[in-house]
Every structure is written in structure tokens, then in C-alpha cells.
């Protein structure tokens, strides 16, 4: 699966990151998602197709990345 090479749109960040400098933004791109650093948007973004993004979100919600 590949992600469309269009420009991401609808960038948003979590409402839980309001009082922190460590956050990312997620945008829509083709049939997937794009992610970028809120503090340094000029460095670009990475993309994930729908299947990859769904797996990441499920792992995150399941606590796989908890310290």
C-alpha cells in the first residue's frame, strides 16, 4: 500500500498538548495520515497509509509505548 503524494491537509494536534512544547500534528493525506513536529514544521513530515496508521493508533491506545 502506498500513500498518495498529495499535500497533507487539516493539520491538528491533540487538545491534551495545549500546555506543552512536545507535540506533533497529524494531517490527512490520501488514504492515510501525515505527522510533523509542531515546533519545527519546516523539517517536513512522514506519512503512513491507513493500515499502518491504524496499527500505530491501536498500539498506542493499548499501552505499547508507555514508559
C-alpha atoms as a PDB file:
ATOM      1  CA  UNK A   1       0.000   0.000   0.000  1.00  0.00           C
ATOM      2  CA  UNK A   2       1.203   3.490  -0.693  1.00  0.00           C
ATOM      3  CA  UNK A   3       0.159   6.935   0.406  1.00  0.00           C
ATOM      4  CA  UNK A   4      -0.859   9.472  -2.207  1.00  0.00           C
ATOM      5  CA  UNK A   5       1.741  12.143  -2.943  1.00  0.00           C
ATOM      6  CA  UNK A   6      -0.654  14.998  -2.339  1.00  0.00           C
ATOM      7  CA  UNK A   7      -0.123  17.766   0.180  1.00  0.00           C
ATOM      8  CA  UNK A   8      -1.395  16.967   3.689  1.00  0.00           C
ATOM      9  CA  UNK A   9      -4.391  18.963   4.877  1.00  0.00           C
ATOM     10  CA  UNK A  10      -6.395  19.501   8.037  1.00  0.00           C
ATOM     11  CA  UNK A  11      -3.403  19.563  10.386  1.00  0.00           C
ATOM     12  CA  UNK A  12      -4.429  19.206  14.045  1.00  0.00           C
ATOM     13  CA  UNK A  13      -2.825  18.480  17.398  1.00  0.00           C
ATOM     14  CA  UNK A  14      -4.219  16.879  20.499  1.00  0.00           C
ATOM     15  CA  UNK A  15      -6.137  19.105  22.873  1.00  0.00           C
ATOM     16  CA  UNK A  16      -4.096  17.403  25.621  1.00  0.00           C
ATOM     17  CA  UNK A  17      -0.915  19.034  24.338  1.00  0.00           C
ATOM     18  CA  UNK A  18      -2.066  22.602  24.974  1.00  0.00           C
ATOM     19  CA  UNK A  19       0.410  23.317  27.791  1.00  0.00           C
ATOM     20  CA  UNK A  20       3.460  21.507  26.412  1.00  0.00           C
ATOM     21  CA  UNK A  21       6.151  22.092  23.807  1.00  0.00           C
ATOM     22  CA  UNK A  22       6.481  18.392  22.959  1.00  0.00           C
ATOM     23  CA  UNK A  23       3.741  17.736  20.473  1.00  0.00           C
ATOM     24  CA  UNK A  24       3.123  16.622  16.942  1.00  0.00           C
ATOM     25  CA  UNK A  25       0.403  17.397  14.454  1.00  0.00           C
ATOM     26  CA  UNK A  26      -1.495  14.916  12.316  1.00  0.00           C
ATOM     27  CA  UNK A  27      -2.872  15.725   8.885  1.00  0.00           C
ATOM     28  CA  UNK A  28      -4.839  13.841   6.258  1.00  0.00           C
ATOM     29  CA  UNK A  29      -3.055  12.680   3.134  1.00  0.00           C
ATOM     30  CA  UNK A  30      -4.595  10.417   0.532  1.00  0.00           C
ATOM     31  CA  UNK A  31      -5.706   7.222   2.243  1.00  0.00           C
ATOM     32  CA  UNK A  32      -3.578   7.766   5.345  1.00  0.00           C
ATOM     33  CA  UNK A  33      -2.003  10.248   7.726  1.00  0.00           C
ATOM     34  CA  UNK A  34       0.935  12.643   7.835  1.00  0.00           C
ATOM     35  CA  UNK A  35       2.767  13.546  11.059  1.00  0.00           C
ATOM     36  CA  UNK A  36       5.023  16.539  11.754  1.00  0.00           C
ATOM     37  CA  UNK A  37       6.745  18.259  14.669  1.00  0.00           C
ATOM     38  CA  UNK A  38       4.719  21.275  15.784  1.00  0.00           C
ATOM     39  CA  UNK A  39       7.839  23.219  16.842  1.00  0.00           C
ATOM     40  CA  UNK A  40       9.719  22.609  13.598  1.00  0.00           C
ATOM     41  CA  UNK A  41       7.240  22.279  10.757  1.00  0.00           C
ATOM     42  CA  UNK A  42       9.873  23.180   8.153  1.00  0.00           C
ATOM     43  CA  UNK A  43      11.619  19.821   8.651  1.00  0.00           C
ATOM     44  CA  UNK A  44       8.774  18.101   6.839  1.00  0.00           C
ATOM     45  CA  UNK A  45       6.564  15.183   7.769  1.00  0.00           C
ATOM     46  CA  UNK A  46       6.317  11.429   7.487  1.00  0.00           C
ATOM     47  CA  UNK A  47       3.360   9.521   6.132  1.00  0.00           C
ATOM     48  CA  UNK A  48       1.592   6.264   6.888  1.00  0.00           C
ATOM     49  CA  UNK A  49      -1.088   4.515   4.899  1.00  0.00           C
ATOM     50  CA  UNK A  50      -4.421   3.657   6.515  1.00  0.00           C
ATOM     51  CA  UNK A  51      -3.291   0.187   7.624  1.00  0.00           C
ATOM     52  CA  UNK A  52      -0.044   1.476   9.168  1.00  0.00           C
ATOM     53  CA  UNK A  53      -1.778   4.364  10.918  1.00  0.00           C
ATOM     54  CA  UNK A  54      -4.492   2.105  12.342  1.00  0.00           C
ATOM     55  CA  UNK A  55      -1.842  -0.300  13.686  1.00  0.00           C
ATOM     56  CA  UNK A  56       0.055   2.600  15.295  1.00  0.00           C
ATOM     57  CA  UNK A  57      -3.060   4.061  16.936  1.00  0.00           C
ATOM     58  CA  UNK A  58      -4.110   0.619  18.242  1.00  0.00           C
ATOM     59  CA  UNK A  59      -0.626   0.023  19.694  1.00  0.00           C
ATOM     60  CA  UNK A  60      -0.625   3.462  21.302  1.00  0.00           C
ATOM     61  CA  UNK A  61      -4.065   3.001  22.834  1.00  0.00           C
ATOM     62  CA  UNK A  62      -3.028  -0.465  24.006  1.00  0.00           C
ATOM     63  CA  UNK A  63      -0.122   0.990  26.010  1.00  0.00           C
ATOM     64  CA  UNK A  64       2.691  -0.427  23.867  1.00  0.00           C
ATOM     65  CA  UNK A  65       4.643   2.838  24.108  1.00  0.00           C
ATOM     66  CA  UNK A  66       4.096   3.520  27.811  1.00  0.00           C
ATOM     67  CA  UNK A  67       7.331   4.083  29.679  1.00  0.00           C
END
